Amino acid sequence: MHLTLCHSIVMDSRTSKMNSASPDELALVEGCQLNKKGFYFEGKDVNGVIRITRRRDGETLQFKVLNTLEFTSSRKRMSVIVQDCLTDEITLLCKGADSVIKERLDLDGLENSGFLERT
């Protein structure tokens, strides 16, 4: 679901097609729709609410975008703060270059999680 929330894609209201300045970003969001447990980006309304359909059960989830830090070549990452419209839970999501993200991780907390391979 992360990739269906953290992006700058806009939906063309006439054609219902997704448009993005980044073909990579478009491919990631489209890829989220492919598997049976994936998430389908339905669009964002004028109030900044993103609608996502969970494919496994067809439930529509809604998240209000509170703030966006756009991707830049110096930051090499994008961040978005969203609020779940059902639970009011607020979450910070970040995506970007592996090298930039990895240096910001709490590696001690991840040591036993299987996320990182230690050599």
N, C-alpha and C. Protein backbone atom coordinates (compact mmCIF):
# COMPACT_ATOMS: atom_id res chain seq x y z
N MET A 1 0.82 -1.19 0.00
CA MET A 1 0.00 0.00 0.00
C MET A 1 0.86 1.26 0.00
N HIS A 2 2.05 1.15 0.55
CA HIS A 2 2.98 2.27 0.64
C HIS A 2 3.11 3.01 -0.69
N LEU A 3 3.37 2.27 -1.76
CA LEU A 3 3.60 2.89 -3.07
C LEU A 3 2.35 3.49 -3.68
N THR A 4 1.17 3.08 -3.23
CA THR A 4 -0.06 3.68 -3.74
C THR A 4 -0.41 4.97 -3.01
N LEU A 5 0.34 5.29 -1.96
CA LEU A 5 0.13 6.53 -1.22
C LEU A 5 1.25 7.55 -1.42
N CYS A 6 2.46 7.08 -1.63
CA CYS A 6 3.63 7.96 -1.70
C CYS A 6 4.06 8.14 -3.15
N HIS A 7 3.39 9.07 -3.83
CA HIS A 7 3.70 9.35 -5.24
C HIS A 7 3.09 10.69 -5.64
N SER A 8 3.41 11.15 -6.83
CA SER A 8 2.85 12.42 -7.31
C SER A 8 2.01 12.22 -8.58
N ILE A 9 1.45 11.04 -8.72
CA ILE A 9 0.62 10.72 -9.88
C ILE A 9 -0.72 11.44 -9.77
N VAL A 10 -1.20 11.91 -10.91
CA VAL A 10 -2.54 12.51 -10.97
C VAL A 10 -3.39 11.68 -11.94
N MET A 11 -4.66 11.63 -11.64
CA MET A 11 -5.60 10.88 -12.46
C MET A 11 -6.27 11.85 -13.43
N ASP A 12 -6.25 11.52 -14.72
CA ASP A 12 -6.95 12.31 -15.73
C ASP A 12 -8.44 12.05 -15.58
N SER A 13 -9.21 13.07 -15.25
CA SER A 13 -10.63 12.89 -14.98
C SER A 13 -11.42 12.48 -16.23
N ARG A 14 -10.95 12.85 -17.41
CA ARG A 14 -11.66 12.50 -18.64
C ARG A 14 -11.44 11.04 -19.03
N THR A 15 -10.21 10.55 -18.87
CA THR A 15 -9.88 9.20 -19.35
C THR A 15 -9.69 8.19 -18.22
N SER A 16 -9.63 8.64 -16.99
CA SER A 16 -9.34 7.80 -15.82
C SER A 16 -7.97 7.14 -15.93
N LYS A 17 -7.05 7.76 -16.67
CA LYS A 17 -5.69 7.25 -16.80
C LYS A 17 -4.79 7.99 -15.83
N MET A 18 -3.77 7.26 -15.33
CA MET A 18 -2.80 7.86 -14.43
C MET A 18 -1.73 8.57 -15.25
N ASN A 19 -1.33 9.75 -14.78
CA ASN A 19 -0.27 10.52 -15.43
C ASN A 19 0.80 10.87 -14.41
N SER A 20 2.06 10.77 -14.86
CA SER A 20 3.17 11.07 -13.97
C SER A 20 4.33 11.62 -14.78
N ALA A 21 5.10 12.51 -14.17
CA ALA A 21 6.32 13.00 -14.80
C ALA A 21 7.39 11.93 -14.81
N SER A 22 7.26 10.94 -13.92
CA SER A 22 8.25 9.88 -13.79
C SER A 22 7.67 8.54 -14.26
N PRO A 23 8.21 7.97 -15.32
CA PRO A 23 7.73 6.65 -15.75
C PRO A 23 8.00 5.57 -14.71
N ASP A 24 9.07 5.73 -13.92
CA ASP A 24 9.36 4.76 -12.86
C ASP A 24 8.26 4.77 -11.80
N GLU A 25 7.85 5.96 -11.40
CA GLU A 25 6.81 6.09 -10.39
C GLU A 25 5.49 5.50 -10.89
N LEU A 26 5.17 5.75 -12.12
CA LEU A 26 3.95 5.20 -12.72
C LEU A 26 4.01 3.67 -12.75
N ALA A 27 5.15 3.12 -13.11
CA ALA A 27 5.32 1.66 -13.16
C ALA A 27 5.16 1.04 -11.77
N LEU A 28 5.67 1.69 -10.73
CA LEU A 28 5.54 1.17 -9.37
C LEU A 28 4.09 1.13 -8.91
N VAL A 29 3.35 2.21 -9.17
CA VAL A 29 1.95 2.27 -8.76
C VAL A 29 1.12 1.26 -9.57
N GLU A 30 1.40 1.15 -10.86
CA GLU A 30 0.70 0.15 -11.68
C GLU A 30 1.04 -1.26 -11.22
N GLY A 31 2.28 -1.49 -10.81
CA GLY A 31 2.70 -2.80 -10.32
C GLY A 31 1.96 -3.22 -9.06
N CYS A 32 1.58 -2.26 -8.23
CA CYS A 32 0.83 -2.56 -7.01
C CYS A 32 -0.53 -3.18 -7.31
N GLN A 33 -1.05 -2.95 -8.50
CA GLN A 33 -2.38 -3.43 -8.89
C GLN A 33 -2.35 -4.85 -9.41
N LEU A 34 -1.18 -5.39 -9.71
CA LEU A 34 -1.11 -6.63 -10.45
C LEU A 34 -1.43 -7.89 -9.65
N ASN A 35 -0.95 -7.99 -8.43
CA ASN A 35 -1.21 -9.26 -7.73
C ASN A 35 -2.56 -9.21 -6.98
N LYS A 36 -3.05 -10.37 -6.62
CA LYS A 36 -4.37 -10.49 -6.01
C LYS A 36 -4.50 -9.75 -4.69
N LYS A 37 -3.38 -9.56 -4.00
CA LYS A 37 -3.41 -8.87 -2.71
C LYS A 37 -2.99 -7.40 -2.86
N GLY A 38 -2.92 -6.92 -4.08
CA GLY A 38 -2.45 -5.58 -4.35
C GLY A 38 -3.45 -4.49 -4.00
N PHE A 39 -3.08 -3.28 -4.33
CA PHE A 39 -3.89 -2.10 -4.06
C PHE A 39 -4.03 -1.30 -5.34
N TYR A 40 -5.21 -0.80 -5.57
CA TYR A 40 -5.52 -0.06 -6.78
C TYR A 40 -5.74 1.41 -6.45
N PHE A 41 -4.90 2.28 -7.01
CA PHE A 41 -5.01 3.72 -6.80
C PHE A 41 -6.21 4.24 -7.59
N GLU A 42 -7.20 4.77 -6.89
CA GLU A 42 -8.43 5.27 -7.52
C GLU A 42 -8.35 6.76 -7.84
N GLY A 43 -7.46 7.47 -7.16
CA GLY A 43 -7.33 8.90 -7.41
C GLY A 43 -7.31 9.70 -6.12
N LYS A 44 -7.12 11.00 -6.29
CA LYS A 44 -7.09 11.92 -5.15
C LYS A 44 -8.08 13.04 -5.44
N ASP A 45 -8.92 13.38 -4.47
CA ASP A 45 -9.92 14.42 -4.68
C ASP A 45 -9.35 15.81 -4.37
N VAL A 46 -10.17 16.83 -4.52
CA VAL A 46 -9.72 18.21 -4.33
C VAL A 46 -9.36 18.51 -2.88
N ASN A 47 -9.81 17.68 -1.94
CA ASN A 47 -9.48 17.86 -0.52
C ASN A 47 -8.21 17.10 -0.12
N GLY A 48 -7.55 16.46 -1.10
CA GLY A 48 -6.33 15.73 -0.81
C GLY A 48 -6.56 14.34 -0.25
N VAL A 49 -7.75 13.78 -0.44
CA VAL A 49 -8.05 12.43 0.04
C VAL A 49 -7.78 11.43 -1.09
N ILE A 50 -6.88 10.48 -0.80
CA ILE A 50 -6.55 9.42 -1.75
C ILE A 50 -7.45 8.23 -1.48
N ARG A 51 -8.02 7.70 -2.54
CA ARG A 51 -8.84 6.49 -2.45
C ARG A 51 -8.07 5.32 -3.04
N ILE A 52 -8.02 4.22 -2.29
CA ILE A 52 -7.31 3.01 -2.71
C ILE A 52 -8.26 1.83 -2.50
N THR A 53 -8.34 0.97 -3.50
CA THR A 53 -9.13 -0.25 -3.36
C THR A 53 -8.20 -1.41 -3.07
N ARG A 54 -8.49 -2.12 -1.98
CA ARG A 54 -7.73 -3.31 -1.62
C ARG A 54 -8.31 -4.47 -2.43
N ARG A 55 -7.49 -5.07 -3.29
CA ARG A 55 -7.98 -6.06 -4.24
C ARG A 55 -8.48 -7.34 -3.59
N ARG A 56 -7.91 -7.76 -2.47
CA ARG A 56 -8.30 -9.05 -1.88
C ARG A 56 -9.76 -9.07 -1.43
N ASP A 57 -10.30 -7.90 -1.01
CA ASP A 57 -11.69 -7.88 -0.55
C ASP A 57 -12.52 -6.76 -1.16
N GLY A 58 -11.91 -5.95 -2.02
CA GLY A 58 -12.64 -4.87 -2.69
C GLY A 58 -12.94 -3.67 -1.82
N GLU A 59 -12.41 -3.64 -0.59
CA GLU A 59 -12.67 -2.52 0.31
C GLU A 59 -11.93 -1.28 -0.16
N THR A 60 -12.61 -0.14 -0.11
CA THR A 60 -11.99 1.13 -0.47
C THR A 60 -11.48 1.81 0.80
N LEU A 61 -10.19 2.14 0.79
CA LEU A 61 -9.56 2.81 1.92
C LEU A 61 -9.33 4.27 1.53
N GLN A 62 -9.39 5.16 2.50
CA GLN A 62 -9.20 6.58 2.22
C GLN A 62 -8.16 7.16 3.18
N PHE A 63 -7.27 7.95 2.62
CA PHE A 63 -6.20 8.59 3.38
C PHE A 63 -6.11 10.05 2.98
N LYS A 64 -6.10 10.93 3.97
CA LYS A 64 -5.94 12.36 3.72
C LYS A 64 -4.46 12.70 3.70
N VAL A 65 -4.01 13.34 2.64
CA VAL A 65 -2.62 13.77 2.54
C VAL A 65 -2.47 15.05 3.35
N LEU A 66 -1.65 15.00 4.40
CA LEU A 66 -1.45 16.15 5.27
C LEU A 66 -0.29 17.02 4.80
N ASN A 67 0.75 16.36 4.25
CA ASN A 67 1.91 17.10 3.74
C ASN A 67 2.71 16.20 2.81
N THR A 68 3.34 16.82 1.83
CA THR A 68 4.18 16.09 0.88
C THR A 68 5.51 16.82 0.74
N LEU A 69 6.58 16.05 0.84
CA LEU A 69 7.92 16.56 0.52
C LEU A 69 8.30 15.89 -0.79
N GLU A 70 8.24 16.64 -1.87
CA GLU A 70 8.45 16.10 -3.20
C GLU A 70 9.88 15.58 -3.38
N PHE A 71 10.03 14.66 -4.29
CA PHE A 71 11.35 14.14 -4.66
C PHE A 71 12.16 15.26 -5.28
N THR A 72 13.43 15.35 -4.88
CA THR A 72 14.37 16.26 -5.53
C THR A 72 15.67 15.51 -5.75
N SER A 73 16.47 15.99 -6.66
CA SER A 73 17.74 15.32 -6.94
C SER A 73 18.70 15.41 -5.75
N SER A 74 18.57 16.44 -4.92
CA SER A 74 19.45 16.54 -3.74
C SER A 74 18.97 15.63 -2.60
N ARG A 75 17.65 15.54 -2.36
CA ARG A 75 17.12 14.67 -1.31
C ARG A 75 17.13 13.20 -1.72
N LYS A 76 16.91 12.95 -3.00
CA LYS A 76 16.83 11.59 -3.56
C LYS A 76 15.78 10.74 -2.86
N ARG A 77 14.71 11.39 -2.43
CA ARG A 77 13.61 10.67 -1.79
C ARG A 77 12.37 11.56 -1.80
N MET A 78 11.24 10.90 -1.59
CA MET A 78 9.96 11.59 -1.46
C MET A 78 9.32 11.12 -0.16
N SER A 79 8.67 12.03 0.54
CA SER A 79 7.99 11.67 1.78
C SER A 79 6.57 12.23 1.74
N VAL A 80 5.66 11.51 2.37
CA VAL A 80 4.28 11.97 2.47
C VAL A 80 3.76 11.62 3.86
N ILE A 81 3.01 12.54 4.44
CA ILE A 81 2.35 12.29 5.72
C ILE A 81 0.87 12.15 5.42
N VAL A 82 0.29 11.00 5.82
CA VAL A 82 -1.11 10.73 5.54
C VAL A 82 -1.86 10.40 6.83
N GLN A 83 -3.16 10.64 6.80
CA GLN A 83 -4.02 10.30 7.92
C GLN A 83 -5.10 9.35 7.42
N ASP A 84 -5.20 8.19 8.05
CA ASP A 84 -6.23 7.22 7.72
C ASP A 84 -7.59 7.83 8.08
N CYS A 85 -8.48 7.94 7.12
CA CYS A 85 -9.78 8.58 7.36
C CYS A 85 -10.68 7.76 8.28
N LEU A 86 -10.42 6.48 8.42
CA LEU A 86 -11.23 5.62 9.29
C LEU A 86 -10.74 5.64 10.73
N THR A 87 -9.41 5.53 10.92
CA THR A 87 -8.85 5.42 12.27
C THR A 87 -8.21 6.70 12.79
N ASP A 88 -8.01 7.68 11.92
CA ASP A 88 -7.32 8.94 12.24
C ASP A 88 -5.83 8.75 12.51
N GLU A 89 -5.31 7.54 12.30
CA GLU A 89 -3.88 7.28 12.50
C GLU A 89 -3.07 8.06 11.46
N ILE A 90 -2.00 8.70 11.91
CA ILE A 90 -1.12 9.49 11.03
C ILE A 90 0.17 8.72 10.82
N THR A 91 0.60 8.65 9.54
CA THR A 91 1.77 7.88 9.16
C THR A 91 2.66 8.69 8.23
N LEU A 92 3.96 8.58 8.43
CA LEU A 92 4.95 9.15 7.51
C LEU A 92 5.46 8.02 6.63
N LEU A 93 5.36 8.20 5.31
CA LEU A 93 5.87 7.23 4.35
C LEU A 93 6.96 7.89 3.54
N CYS A 94 8.00 7.12 3.25
CA CYS A 94 9.14 7.66 2.51
C CYS A 94 9.60 6.63 1.50
N LYS A 95 9.97 7.08 0.31
CA LYS A 95 10.54 6.20 -0.70
C LYS A 95 11.68 6.95 -1.36
N GLY A 96 12.67 6.20 -1.84
CA GLY A 96 13.78 6.85 -2.50
C GLY A 96 14.92 5.91 -2.79
N ALA A 97 16.05 6.51 -3.11
CA ALA A 97 17.26 5.75 -3.44
C ALA A 97 17.69 4.91 -2.25
N ASP A 98 18.04 3.65 -2.50
CA ASP A 98 18.45 2.74 -1.43
C ASP A 98 19.53 3.35 -0.54
N SER A 99 20.53 3.97 -1.15
CA SER A 99 21.65 4.52 -0.38
C SER A 99 21.19 5.61 0.59
N VAL A 100 20.23 6.42 0.18
CA VAL A 100 19.74 7.50 1.03
C VAL A 100 18.84 6.97 2.14
N ILE A 101 17.99 6.02 1.82
CA ILE A 101 17.07 5.46 2.81
C ILE A 101 17.85 4.63 3.83
N LYS A 102 18.76 3.79 3.37
CA LYS A 102 19.49 2.90 4.25
C LYS A 102 20.27 3.66 5.32
N GLU A 103 20.87 4.79 4.96
CA GLU A 103 21.65 5.53 5.95
C GLU A 103 20.78 6.18 7.02
N ARG A 104 19.47 6.22 6.81
CA ARG A 104 18.55 6.80 7.80
C ARG A 104 17.84 5.75 8.63
N LEU A 105 18.09 4.48 8.36
CA LEU A 105 17.45 3.40 9.10
C LEU A 105 18.11 3.17 10.45
N ASP A 106 17.32 2.69 11.40
CA ASP A 106 17.84 2.24 12.68
C ASP A 106 18.31 0.80 12.47
N LEU A 107 19.57 0.64 12.11
CA LEU A 107 20.08 -0.69 11.77
C LEU A 107 20.08 -1.64 12.94
N ASP A 108 20.26 -1.14 14.17
CA ASP A 108 20.21 -2.02 15.34
C ASP A 108 18.82 -2.62 15.49
N GLY A 109 17.78 -1.84 15.22
CA GLY A 109 16.42 -2.33 15.32
C GLY A 109 16.07 -3.32 14.22
N LEU A 110 16.77 -3.23 13.11
CA LEU A 110 16.50 -4.12 11.97
C LEU A 110 17.38 -5.35 11.95
N GLU A 111 18.38 -5.40 12.81
CA GLU A 111 19.37 -6.47 12.78
C GLU A 111 18.75 -7.86 12.79
N ASN A 112 17.73 -8.07 13.59
CA ASN A 112 17.12 -9.39 13.70
C ASN A 112 15.81 -9.50 12.94
N SER A 113 15.51 -8.53 12.11
CA SER A 113 14.21 -8.52 11.44
C SER A 113 14.22 -9.28 10.12
N GLY A 114 15.39 -9.63 9.60
CA GLY A 114 15.45 -10.29 8.29
C GLY A 114 15.43 -9.31 7.15
N PHE A 115 15.31 -8.01 7.45
CA PHE A 115 15.27 -6.98 6.41
C PHE A 115 16.63 -6.80 5.76
N LEU A 116 17.68 -6.82 6.57
CA LEU A 116 19.02 -6.62 6.07
C LEU A 116 19.82 -7.92 6.12
N GLU A 117 20.63 -8.13 5.13
CA GLU A 117 21.53 -9.28 5.15
C GLU A 117 22.86 -8.84 5.71
N ARG A 118 23.34 -9.52 6.70
CA ARG A 118 24.63 -9.20 7.31
C ARG A 118 25.67 -10.15 6.76
N THR A 119 26.84 -9.64 6.43
CA THR A 119 27.94 -10.51 5.94
C THR A 119 29.06 -10.56 6.93
